[in-house]
């Protein structure tokens, strides 16, 4: 699996876990001490259902 495929799978797994949980919102600000809005990560998280937020990228379930 490529890095892009791995990133997409991780984003989908996070979104799936949030759907099963009781959280109605969740914001990712940092990933490995870097802003979550990095290009490849942002694309994967958006594809999984996340959207831009002032401090990072958010999930609204």
Protein backbone atom coordinates (compact mmCIF):
# COMPACT_ATOMS: atom_id res chain seq x y z
CA UNK A 1 0.00 0.00 0.00
CA UNK A 2 1.35 3.44 -0.89
CA UNK A 3 1.73 6.29 1.60
CA UNK A 4 -1.31 7.96 -0.02
CA UNK A 5 -3.30 4.76 0.37
CA UNK A 6 -2.17 4.36 3.96
CA UNK A 7 -3.09 7.96 4.76
CA UNK A 8 -6.53 7.55 3.17
CA UNK A 9 -7.12 4.30 5.08
CA UNK A 10 -6.12 5.94 8.37
CA UNK A 11 -8.46 8.90 7.72
CA UNK A 12 -11.32 6.53 6.89
CA UNK A 13 -10.63 4.50 10.05
CA UNK A 14 -10.72 7.66 12.18
CA UNK A 15 -14.00 8.76 10.59
CA UNK A 16 -15.47 5.28 11.13
CA UNK A 17 -14.48 5.30 14.82
CA UNK A 18 -16.03 8.76 15.26
CA UNK A 19 -19.28 7.58 13.63
CA UNK A 20 -19.50 4.67 16.10
CA UNK A 21 -18.67 6.84 19.10
CA UNK A 22 -20.76 9.39 20.91
CA UNK A 23 -18.82 12.45 19.81
CA UNK A 24 -20.75 14.91 17.68
CA UNK A 25 -17.66 17.00 16.90
CA UNK A 26 -13.92 16.45 16.87
CA UNK A 27 -11.09 18.74 15.72
CA UNK A 28 -7.61 17.63 14.67
CA UNK A 29 -5.14 20.48 15.16
CA UNK A 30 -1.76 18.72 15.06
CA UNK A 31 -0.42 15.47 13.65
CA UNK A 32 3.12 14.59 14.78
CA UNK A 33 3.51 18.16 16.13
CA UNK A 34 2.77 19.68 12.70
CA UNK A 35 -0.41 21.43 11.53
CA UNK A 36 -3.08 18.96 10.40
CA UNK A 37 -3.71 21.07 7.30
CA UNK A 38 -0.80 19.60 5.37
CA UNK A 39 -1.66 18.89 1.74
CA UNK A 40 -1.80 15.09 1.61
CA UNK A 41 -3.36 14.75 5.03
CA UNK A 42 -5.97 17.42 4.38
CA UNK A 43 -7.06 15.72 1.16
CA UNK A 44 -7.41 12.34 2.88
CA UNK A 45 -9.32 13.78 5.85
CA UNK A 46 -11.67 15.76 3.60
CA UNK A 47 -12.37 12.63 1.56
CA UNK A 48 -13.28 10.89 4.83
CA UNK A 49 -15.82 13.59 5.73
CA UNK A 50 -13.79 16.17 7.65
CA UNK A 51 -13.92 19.90 6.85
CA UNK A 52 -11.72 22.94 7.43
CA UNK A 53 -11.87 24.58 10.85
CA UNK A 54 -10.12 27.67 12.24
CA UNK A 55 -7.65 25.58 14.24
CA UNK A 56 -7.31 22.56 11.95
CA UNK A 57 -9.74 20.12 10.42
CA UNK A 58 -12.98 19.06 12.07
CA UNK A 59 -15.52 16.26 12.16
CA UNK A 60 -19.15 17.05 12.69
CA UNK A 61 -21.08 13.82 13.21
